[in-house]
Amino acid sequence: MQILVFKEGKAHSLSAPSAEGGFSLIEMLLVLTVVAILLTVAVLAIPNHDERNWRNNLDQLVASLNAAQDESQTTGIPMRVDINESGWRFSKSDPMAQAKDSNQPPTFIPDAYKAQVWSKAVIIEPLQLNLGAEYVAEVLRTPIQQEKRSATLIRSSDGHFNWSSP
């Protein structure tokens, strides 16, 4: 910035003391505050994949169990399911019936009965169920835990499955 001073009829320019180039403390604090707010919003927007995988595993297990239960009742061929800490798998309980109907597909929905693994390790008492071959007299509740999450696998008295979380 220049200032013009007139002395004795002549214009002289005086330079104002120049400040060092850069940002002031207030400007830096303002920028840091804006960046912190943006990072907070970004972190909150990132989905929790572990929670979503946990719920997807439970939904997949329940859907497979219900499909197997319905198929077993429809075909009259019992189906066994083993659920443990590593995952779950289905098998036909009557291999003779499966061998007799070799020209028929083994299940209505073969992909639904492939062996599955949990997305992360779980704690569950090993459970073996015979679907379609047993009368369900009372509700079955099986707790499942994964890290800080927990759920209960429920088999209702009509034989269908669902899960609940506290």
N, C-alpha and C. Protein backbone atom coordinates (compact mmCIF):
# COMPACT_ATOMS: atom_id res chain seq x y z
N MET A 1 0.85 -1.16 0.00
CA MET A 1 0.00 0.00 0.00
C MET A 1 0.90 1.23 0.00
N GLN A 2 0.57 2.17 -0.86
CA GLN A 2 1.37 3.38 -0.94
C GLN A 2 0.53 4.59 -0.54
N ILE A 3 1.20 5.50 0.13
CA ILE A 3 0.57 6.74 0.55
C ILE A 3 1.32 7.88 -0.13
N LEU A 4 0.58 8.78 -0.74
CA LEU A 4 1.22 9.93 -1.39
C LEU A 4 1.22 11.11 -0.43
N VAL A 5 2.35 11.70 -0.27
CA VAL A 5 2.51 12.87 0.60
C VAL A 5 3.03 14.01 -0.28
N PHE A 6 2.41 15.15 -0.13
CA PHE A 6 2.84 16.33 -0.89
C PHE A 6 3.68 17.23 0.01
N LYS A 7 4.93 17.43 -0.36
CA LYS A 7 5.82 18.36 0.36
C LYS A 7 6.42 19.30 -0.67
N GLU A 8 6.34 20.55 -0.35
CA GLU A 8 6.93 21.59 -1.18
C GLU A 8 6.52 21.44 -2.63
N GLY A 9 5.28 21.09 -2.85
CA GLY A 9 4.75 21.02 -4.19
C GLY A 9 5.09 19.75 -4.95
N LYS A 10 5.79 18.87 -4.32
CA LYS A 10 6.13 17.61 -5.00
C LYS A 10 5.47 16.45 -4.25
N ALA A 11 5.07 15.44 -5.02
CA ALA A 11 4.45 14.25 -4.43
C ALA A 11 5.52 13.23 -4.10
N HIS A 12 5.50 12.79 -2.86
CA HIS A 12 6.43 11.75 -2.43
C HIS A 12 5.59 10.55 -1.98
N SER A 13 6.05 9.37 -2.31
CA SER A 13 5.30 8.19 -1.87
C SER A 13 5.96 7.58 -0.65
N LEU A 14 5.13 7.25 0.28
CA LEU A 14 5.61 6.57 1.48
C LEU A 14 5.03 5.15 1.48
N SER A 15 5.84 4.22 1.77
CA SER A 15 5.35 2.84 1.85
C SER A 15 4.90 2.55 3.26
N ALA A 16 3.73 1.93 3.33
CA ALA A 16 3.24 1.52 4.64
C ALA A 16 4.05 0.30 5.06
N PRO A 17 4.26 0.17 6.34
CA PRO A 17 5.01 -1.01 6.76
C PRO A 17 4.27 -2.27 6.31
N SER A 18 4.93 -3.11 5.56
CA SER A 18 4.26 -4.32 5.04
C SER A 18 4.32 -5.44 6.08
N ALA A 19 3.19 -6.10 6.19
CA ALA A 19 3.11 -7.24 7.11
C ALA A 19 3.68 -8.46 6.42
N GLU A 20 4.16 -9.41 7.20
CA GLU A 20 4.65 -10.66 6.63
C GLU A 20 3.48 -11.37 5.96
N GLY A 21 3.71 -12.03 4.83
CA GLY A 21 2.64 -12.78 4.16
C GLY A 21 2.29 -14.02 4.98
N GLY A 22 1.03 -14.47 4.92
CA GLY A 22 0.60 -15.66 5.65
C GLY A 22 -0.77 -15.48 6.25
N PHE A 23 -1.14 -16.43 7.07
CA PHE A 23 -2.47 -16.43 7.67
C PHE A 23 -2.38 -16.01 9.13
N SER A 24 -3.42 -15.37 9.58
CA SER A 24 -3.46 -15.00 11.00
C SER A 24 -3.93 -16.20 11.81
N LEU A 25 -3.76 -16.12 13.09
CA LEU A 25 -4.19 -17.19 13.99
C LEU A 25 -5.70 -17.43 13.89
N ILE A 26 -6.47 -16.39 13.79
CA ILE A 26 -7.93 -16.51 13.68
C ILE A 26 -8.31 -17.25 12.41
N GLU A 27 -7.65 -16.93 11.31
CA GLU A 27 -7.95 -17.62 10.04
C GLU A 27 -7.62 -19.11 10.14
N MET A 28 -6.50 -19.44 10.74
CA MET A 28 -6.12 -20.85 10.90
C MET A 28 -7.12 -21.60 11.77
N LEU A 29 -7.52 -21.00 12.88
CA LEU A 29 -8.50 -21.64 13.76
C LEU A 29 -9.83 -21.85 13.06
N LEU A 30 -10.24 -20.88 12.26
CA LEU A 30 -11.49 -21.00 11.52
C LEU A 30 -11.42 -22.16 10.52
N VAL A 31 -10.33 -22.27 9.79
CA VAL A 31 -10.16 -23.36 8.82
C VAL A 31 -10.14 -24.72 9.54
N LEU A 32 -9.43 -24.82 10.66
CA LEU A 32 -9.38 -26.07 11.42
C LEU A 32 -10.77 -26.47 11.94
N THR A 33 -11.55 -25.51 12.36
CA THR A 33 -12.90 -25.79 12.84
C THR A 33 -13.78 -26.32 11.71
N VAL A 34 -13.71 -25.71 10.55
CA VAL A 34 -14.50 -26.18 9.40
C VAL A 34 -14.08 -27.59 8.99
N VAL A 35 -12.77 -27.85 8.97
CA VAL A 35 -12.28 -29.20 8.61
C VAL A 35 -12.75 -30.22 9.64
N ALA A 36 -12.72 -29.89 10.92
CA ALA A 36 -13.17 -30.82 11.96
C ALA A 36 -14.65 -31.13 11.80
N ILE A 37 -15.46 -30.14 11.49
CA ILE A 37 -16.89 -30.38 11.29
C ILE A 37 -17.12 -31.28 10.08
N LEU A 38 -16.41 -31.04 9.00
CA LEU A 38 -16.55 -31.88 7.80
C LEU A 38 -16.14 -33.32 8.08
N LEU A 39 -15.06 -33.52 8.81
CA LEU A 39 -14.62 -34.88 9.14
C LEU A 39 -15.63 -35.59 10.04
N THR A 40 -16.23 -34.87 10.96
CA THR A 40 -17.24 -35.46 11.83
C THR A 40 -18.43 -35.94 11.02
N VAL A 41 -18.89 -35.13 10.10
CA VAL A 41 -20.02 -35.52 9.25
C VAL A 41 -19.63 -36.71 8.38
N ALA A 42 -18.42 -36.74 7.86
CA ALA A 42 -17.97 -37.84 7.01
C ALA A 42 -17.90 -39.15 7.79
N VAL A 43 -17.40 -39.12 9.01
CA VAL A 43 -17.29 -40.33 9.82
C VAL A 43 -18.68 -40.88 10.15
N LEU A 44 -19.60 -40.00 10.44
CA LEU A 44 -20.96 -40.45 10.74
C LEU A 44 -21.67 -41.02 9.52
N ALA A 45 -21.27 -40.60 8.34
CA ALA A 45 -21.90 -41.07 7.11
C ALA A 45 -21.38 -42.45 6.68
N ILE A 46 -20.24 -42.86 7.19
CA ILE A 46 -19.68 -44.16 6.81
C ILE A 46 -20.48 -45.25 7.50
N PRO A 47 -21.01 -46.21 6.73
CA PRO A 47 -21.84 -47.25 7.34
C PRO A 47 -21.00 -48.24 8.16
N ASN A 48 -21.65 -48.84 9.12
CA ASN A 48 -21.00 -49.85 9.95
C ASN A 48 -21.17 -51.20 9.25
N HIS A 49 -20.12 -51.63 8.54
CA HIS A 49 -20.22 -52.86 7.76
C HIS A 49 -20.37 -54.09 8.65
N ASP A 50 -19.75 -54.09 9.81
CA ASP A 50 -19.86 -55.25 10.69
C ASP A 50 -21.30 -55.47 11.12
N GLU A 51 -21.97 -54.41 11.47
CA GLU A 51 -23.37 -54.52 11.89
C GLU A 51 -24.25 -55.00 10.74
N ARG A 52 -24.00 -54.46 9.56
CA ARG A 52 -24.80 -54.87 8.40
C ARG A 52 -24.54 -56.35 8.07
N ASN A 53 -23.28 -56.79 8.11
CA ASN A 53 -22.97 -58.20 7.84
C ASN A 53 -23.60 -59.11 8.88
N TRP A 54 -23.60 -58.68 10.15
CA TRP A 54 -24.22 -59.46 11.23
C TRP A 54 -25.70 -59.67 10.94
N ARG A 55 -26.39 -58.59 10.61
CA ARG A 55 -27.83 -58.68 10.32
C ARG A 55 -28.09 -59.50 9.05
N ASN A 56 -27.24 -59.34 8.04
CA ASN A 56 -27.40 -60.13 6.82
C ASN A 56 -27.22 -61.61 7.09
N ASN A 57 -26.23 -61.97 7.92
CA ASN A 57 -26.04 -63.38 8.29
C ASN A 57 -27.27 -63.94 8.98
N LEU A 58 -27.81 -63.18 9.92
CA LEU A 58 -29.01 -63.65 10.64
C LEU A 58 -30.20 -63.77 9.70
N ASP A 59 -30.39 -62.79 8.83
CA ASP A 59 -31.51 -62.85 7.88
C ASP A 59 -31.36 -64.04 6.94
N GLN A 60 -30.14 -64.28 6.48
CA GLN A 60 -29.89 -65.40 5.57
C GLN A 60 -30.13 -66.74 6.26
N LEU A 61 -29.69 -66.85 7.51
CA LEU A 61 -29.91 -68.08 8.26
C LEU A 61 -31.40 -68.34 8.44
N VAL A 62 -32.15 -67.33 8.85
CA VAL A 62 -33.59 -67.49 9.08
C VAL A 62 -34.32 -67.82 7.77
N ALA A 63 -33.97 -67.14 6.69
CA ALA A 63 -34.61 -67.41 5.40
C ALA A 63 -34.33 -68.84 4.95
N SER A 64 -33.10 -69.30 5.12
CA SER A 64 -32.74 -70.67 4.73
C SER A 64 -33.47 -71.69 5.59
N LEU A 65 -33.54 -71.43 6.90
CA LEU A 65 -34.24 -72.35 7.79
C LEU A 65 -35.73 -72.45 7.44
N ASN A 66 -36.35 -71.31 7.18
CA ASN A 66 -37.78 -71.33 6.83
C ASN A 66 -38.03 -72.02 5.49
N ALA A 67 -37.15 -71.78 4.51
CA ALA A 67 -37.29 -72.45 3.22
C ALA A 67 -37.12 -73.96 3.37
N ALA A 68 -36.14 -74.38 4.16
CA ALA A 68 -35.91 -75.81 4.38
C ALA A 68 -37.09 -76.44 5.13
N GLN A 69 -37.63 -75.73 6.11
CA GLN A 69 -38.79 -76.22 6.85
C GLN A 69 -39.98 -76.41 5.91
N ASP A 70 -40.24 -75.42 5.07
CA ASP A 70 -41.36 -75.50 4.13
C ASP A 70 -41.15 -76.62 3.12
N GLU A 71 -39.93 -76.75 2.61
CA GLU A 71 -39.65 -77.81 1.64
C GLU A 71 -39.78 -79.19 2.27
N SER A 72 -39.30 -79.33 3.49
CA SER A 72 -39.39 -80.62 4.16
C SER A 72 -40.85 -81.03 4.38
N GLN A 73 -41.67 -80.07 4.74
CA GLN A 73 -43.09 -80.38 4.95
C GLN A 73 -43.78 -80.68 3.62
N THR A 74 -43.38 -80.00 2.55
CA THR A 74 -44.00 -80.20 1.24
C THR A 74 -43.61 -81.55 0.64
N THR A 75 -42.33 -81.89 0.70
CA THR A 75 -41.85 -83.13 0.06
C THR A 75 -42.00 -84.35 0.97
N GLY A 76 -42.11 -84.11 2.27
CA GLY A 76 -42.17 -85.23 3.21
C GLY A 76 -40.81 -85.82 3.52
N ILE A 77 -39.75 -85.19 3.01
CA ILE A 77 -38.39 -85.67 3.27
C ILE A 77 -37.77 -84.76 4.32
N PRO A 78 -37.42 -85.29 5.48
CA PRO A 78 -36.81 -84.46 6.52
C PRO A 78 -35.47 -83.89 6.08
N MET A 79 -35.16 -82.73 6.58
CA MET A 79 -33.89 -82.08 6.29
C MET A 79 -33.22 -81.76 7.62
N ARG A 80 -31.93 -81.99 7.69
CA ARG A 80 -31.19 -81.71 8.91
C ARG A 80 -30.35 -80.46 8.71
N VAL A 81 -30.27 -79.66 9.76
CA VAL A 81 -29.42 -78.48 9.71
C VAL A 81 -28.51 -78.49 10.93
N ASP A 82 -27.25 -78.19 10.71
CA ASP A 82 -26.27 -78.07 11.78
C ASP A 82 -25.82 -76.62 11.84
N ILE A 83 -25.98 -76.01 13.01
CA ILE A 83 -25.57 -74.62 13.21
C ILE A 83 -24.52 -74.61 14.32
N ASN A 84 -23.37 -74.01 14.03
CA ASN A 84 -22.32 -73.95 15.05
C ASN A 84 -21.51 -72.68 14.89
N GLU A 85 -20.38 -72.59 15.56
CA GLU A 85 -19.56 -71.38 15.56
C GLU A 85 -18.95 -71.06 14.19
N SER A 86 -18.83 -72.05 13.34
CA SER A 86 -18.24 -71.79 12.03
C SER A 86 -19.28 -71.40 10.99
N GLY A 87 -20.53 -71.82 11.16
CA GLY A 87 -21.58 -71.48 10.20
C GLY A 87 -22.73 -72.46 10.29
N TRP A 88 -23.39 -72.70 9.16
CA TRP A 88 -24.51 -73.63 9.13
C TRP A 88 -24.52 -74.37 7.80
N ARG A 89 -25.06 -75.60 7.85
CA ARG A 89 -25.15 -76.42 6.63
C ARG A 89 -26.38 -77.32 6.73
N PHE A 90 -26.92 -77.62 5.58
CA PHE A 90 -28.12 -78.44 5.48
C PHE A 90 -27.78 -79.77 4.83
N SER A 91 -28.54 -80.79 5.19
CA SER A 91 -28.41 -82.08 4.53
C SER A 91 -29.74 -82.80 4.61
N LYS A 92 -29.97 -83.66 3.63
CA LYS A 92 -31.20 -84.46 3.65
C LYS A 92 -31.02 -85.55 4.69
N SER A 93 -32.05 -85.75 5.49
CA SER A 93 -31.97 -86.77 6.53
C SER A 93 -32.21 -88.16 5.98
N ASP A 94 -32.85 -88.26 4.82
CA ASP A 94 -33.21 -89.56 4.25
C ASP A 94 -32.47 -89.77 2.93
N PRO A 95 -31.24 -90.30 2.97
CA PRO A 95 -30.47 -90.46 1.74
C PRO A 95 -31.12 -91.45 0.76
N MET A 96 -31.91 -92.41 1.25
CA MET A 96 -32.57 -93.38 0.37
C MET A 96 -33.61 -92.67 -0.50
N ALA A 97 -34.35 -91.76 0.08
CA ALA A 97 -35.36 -91.03 -0.68
C ALA A 97 -34.69 -90.14 -1.72
N GLN A 98 -33.55 -89.60 -1.40
CA GLN A 98 -32.83 -88.76 -2.34
C GLN A 98 -32.27 -89.62 -3.48
N ALA A 99 -31.80 -90.83 -3.18
CA ALA A 99 -31.25 -91.72 -4.20
C ALA A 99 -32.36 -92.21 -5.14
N LYS A 100 -33.56 -92.49 -4.61
CA LYS A 100 -34.67 -92.96 -5.43
C LYS A 100 -35.08 -91.89 -6.44
N ASP A 101 -35.06 -90.65 -6.04
CA ASP A 101 -35.48 -89.56 -6.90
C ASP A 101 -34.27 -88.86 -7.51
N SER A 102 -33.34 -89.64 -8.08
CA SER A 102 -32.12 -89.06 -8.61
C SER A 102 -32.39 -88.19 -9.83
N ASN A 103 -33.53 -88.43 -10.52
CA ASN A 103 -33.85 -87.60 -11.67
C ASN A 103 -34.49 -86.27 -11.26
N GLN A 104 -34.85 -86.15 -9.99
CA GLN A 104 -35.42 -84.91 -9.47
C GLN A 104 -34.30 -84.05 -8.89
N PRO A 105 -34.43 -82.74 -8.95
CA PRO A 105 -33.41 -81.92 -8.28
C PRO A 105 -33.45 -82.18 -6.78
N PRO A 106 -32.28 -82.12 -6.11
CA PRO A 106 -32.24 -82.47 -4.69
C PRO A 106 -33.05 -81.54 -3.81
N THR A 107 -33.22 -80.31 -4.20
CA THR A 107 -34.01 -79.36 -3.42
C THR A 107 -34.70 -78.39 -4.36
N PHE A 108 -35.70 -77.69 -3.84
CA PHE A 108 -36.37 -76.67 -4.64
C PHE A 108 -35.43 -75.50 -4.90
N ILE A 109 -34.65 -75.13 -3.89
CA ILE A 109 -33.75 -73.97 -3.97
C ILE A 109 -32.36 -74.43 -3.55
N PRO A 110 -31.61 -75.08 -4.45
CA PRO A 110 -30.32 -75.65 -4.03
C PRO A 110 -29.31 -74.64 -3.49
N ASP A 111 -29.29 -73.43 -4.04
CA ASP A 111 -28.31 -72.44 -3.57
C ASP A 111 -28.58 -72.00 -2.14
N ALA A 112 -29.82 -72.07 -1.70
CA ALA A 112 -30.15 -71.63 -0.34
C ALA A 112 -29.58 -72.58 0.71
N TYR A 113 -29.26 -73.80 0.31
CA TYR A 113 -28.82 -74.80 1.28
C TYR A 113 -27.33 -75.08 1.22
N LYS A 114 -26.58 -74.24 0.54
CA LYS A 114 -25.12 -74.40 0.54
C LYS A 114 -24.60 -74.08 1.93
N ALA A 115 -23.49 -74.72 2.29
CA ALA A 115 -22.88 -74.44 3.59
C ALA A 115 -22.49 -72.96 3.64
N GLN A 116 -22.78 -72.32 4.75
CA GLN A 116 -22.52 -70.89 4.93
C GLN A 116 -21.61 -70.70 6.14
N VAL A 117 -20.83 -69.62 6.11
CA VAL A 117 -19.98 -69.27 7.24
C VAL A 117 -20.39 -67.89 7.74
N TRP A 118 -20.18 -67.66 9.02
CA TRP A 118 -20.46 -66.36 9.61
C TRP A 118 -19.44 -65.36 9.08
N SER A 119 -19.83 -64.10 8.95
CA SER A 119 -18.90 -63.07 8.48
C SER A 119 -17.79 -62.83 9.50
N LYS A 120 -18.10 -62.99 10.78
CA LYS A 120 -17.12 -62.92 11.86
C LYS A 120 -17.47 -64.04 12.84
N ALA A 121 -16.51 -64.40 13.67
CA ALA A 121 -16.71 -65.50 14.61
C ALA A 121 -17.89 -65.20 15.55
N VAL A 122 -18.66 -66.24 15.84
CA VAL A 122 -19.79 -66.12 16.76
C VAL A 122 -19.65 -67.12 17.89
N ILE A 123 -20.41 -66.87 18.93
CA ILE A 123 -20.50 -67.81 20.05
C ILE A 123 -21.92 -68.35 20.04
N ILE A 124 -22.03 -69.67 19.85
CA ILE A 124 -23.33 -70.32 19.83
C ILE A 124 -23.14 -71.77 20.26
N GLU A 125 -24.09 -72.26 21.02
CA GLU A 125 -24.07 -73.68 21.36
C GLU A 125 -24.38 -74.45 20.08
N PRO A 126 -23.58 -75.48 19.73
CA PRO A 126 -23.88 -76.24 18.51
C PRO A 126 -25.32 -76.75 18.56
N LEU A 127 -26.00 -76.61 17.44
CA LEU A 127 -27.42 -76.93 17.36
C LEU A 127 -27.67 -77.79 16.14
N GLN A 128 -28.41 -78.88 16.32
CA GLN A 128 -28.78 -79.75 15.22
C GLN A 128 -30.30 -79.87 15.23
N LEU A 129 -30.91 -79.54 14.10
CA LEU A 129 -32.37 -79.59 14.00
C LEU A 129 -32.77 -80.50 12.85
N ASN A 130 -33.84 -81.24 13.06
CA ASN A 130 -34.44 -82.04 12.00
C ASN A 130 -35.72 -81.33 11.57
N LEU A 131 -35.69 -80.79 10.39
CA LEU A 131 -36.81 -80.00 9.91
C LEU A 131 -37.81 -80.87 9.16
N GLY A 132 -39.08 -80.67 9.43
CA GLY A 132 -40.14 -81.39 8.73
C GLY A 132 -40.46 -82.74 9.32
N ALA A 133 -39.63 -83.25 10.22
CA ALA A 133 -39.84 -84.59 10.75
C ALA A 133 -40.24 -84.57 12.21
N GLU A 134 -40.30 -83.40 12.81
CA GLU A 134 -40.57 -83.37 14.23
C GLU A 134 -41.73 -82.42 14.54
N TYR A 135 -42.41 -82.72 15.60
CA TYR A 135 -43.47 -81.87 16.07
C TYR A 135 -42.84 -80.85 17.02
N VAL A 136 -43.12 -79.59 16.81
CA VAL A 136 -42.54 -78.54 17.64
C VAL A 136 -43.54 -78.24 18.75
N ALA A 137 -43.20 -78.67 19.96
CA ALA A 137 -44.11 -78.49 21.09
C ALA A 137 -43.90 -77.16 21.78
N GLU A 138 -42.66 -76.74 21.88
CA GLU A 138 -42.39 -75.49 22.57
C GLU A 138 -41.42 -74.63 21.76
N VAL A 139 -41.44 -73.37 22.07
CA VAL A 139 -40.59 -72.41 21.36
C VAL A 139 -39.13 -72.68 21.71
N LEU A 140 -38.28 -72.69 20.69
CA LEU A 140 -36.85 -72.89 20.87
C LEU A 140 -36.15 -71.54 20.76
N ARG A 141 -35.33 -71.21 21.74
CA ARG A 141 -34.57 -69.95 21.73
C ARG A 141 -33.08 -70.29 21.85
N THR A 142 -32.32 -69.83 20.88
CA THR A 142 -30.89 -70.09 20.87
C THR A 142 -30.14 -68.76 20.80
N PRO A 143 -29.39 -68.41 21.85
CA PRO A 143 -28.63 -67.15 21.81
C PRO A 143 -27.40 -67.26 20.90
N ILE A 144 -27.15 -66.17 20.20
CA ILE A 144 -25.98 -66.07 19.32
C ILE A 144 -25.29 -64.75 19.66
N GLN A 145 -23.97 -64.80 19.83
CA GLN A 145 -23.21 -63.59 20.15
C GLN A 145 -22.07 -63.41 19.17
N GLN A 146 -21.80 -62.15 18.86
CA GLN A 146 -20.66 -61.81 18.00
C GLN A 146 -20.10 -60.48 18.51
N GLU A 147 -18.91 -60.53 19.03
CA GLU A 147 -18.28 -59.36 19.63
C GLU A 147 -19.24 -58.72 20.63
N LYS A 148 -19.68 -57.48 20.38
CA LYS A 148 -20.58 -56.80 21.32
C LYS A 148 -22.04 -56.99 20.96
N ARG A 149 -22.32 -57.70 19.88
CA ARG A 149 -23.69 -57.89 19.41
C ARG A 149 -24.24 -59.21 19.90
N SER A 150 -25.55 -59.24 20.08
CA SER A 150 -26.19 -60.51 20.45
C SER A 150 -27.57 -60.57 19.82
N ALA A 151 -28.01 -61.77 19.58
CA ALA A 151 -29.33 -62.01 19.00
C ALA A 151 -29.82 -63.35 19.50
N THR A 152 -31.10 -63.59 19.33
CA THR A 152 -31.69 -64.87 19.69
C THR A 152 -32.38 -65.44 18.47
N LEU A 153 -31.99 -66.66 18.10
CA LEU A 153 -32.67 -67.39 17.04
C LEU A 153 -33.87 -68.06 17.66
N ILE A 154 -35.05 -67.83 17.10
CA ILE A 154 -36.29 -68.33 17.69
C ILE A 154 -37.01 -69.24 16.71
N ARG A 155 -37.38 -70.41 17.18
CA ARG A 155 -38.23 -71.31 16.41
C ARG A 155 -39.57 -71.34 17.12
N SER A 156 -40.59 -70.83 16.46
CA SER A 156 -41.91 -70.73 17.08
C SER A 156 -42.59 -72.09 17.10
N SER A 157 -43.71 -72.17 17.79
CA SER A 157 -44.41 -73.44 17.92
C SER A 157 -45.00 -73.92 16.60
N ASP A 158 -45.12 -73.05 15.59
CA ASP A 158 -45.58 -73.50 14.27
C ASP A 158 -44.41 -73.95 13.38
N GLY A 159 -43.18 -73.92 13.92
CA GLY A 159 -42.02 -74.43 13.22
C GLY A 159 -41.24 -73.40 12.42
N HIS A 160 -41.72 -72.18 12.36
CA HIS A 160 -41.02 -71.15 11.59
C HIS A 160 -40.01 -70.41 12.47
N PHE A 161 -39.01 -69.85 11.80
CA PHE A 161 -37.89 -69.21 12.48
C PHE A 161 -37.91 -67.70 12.29
N ASN A 162 -37.38 -67.01 13.26
CA ASN A 162 -37.07 -65.59 13.17
C ASN A 162 -35.96 -65.30 14.17
N TRP A 163 -35.50 -64.08 14.20
CA TRP A 163 -34.47 -63.71 15.16
C TRP A 163 -34.85 -62.37 15.78
N SER A 164 -34.38 -62.18 16.98
CA SER A 164 -34.61 -60.91 17.66
C SER A 164 -33.31 -60.47 18.31
N SER A 165 -33.20 -59.17 18.45
CA SER A 165 -32.02 -58.58 19.06
C SER A 165 -32.47 -57.69 20.21
N PRO A 166 -31.75 -57.73 21.33
CA PRO A 166 -32.18 -56.89 22.46
C PRO A 166 -32.07 -55.42 22.18
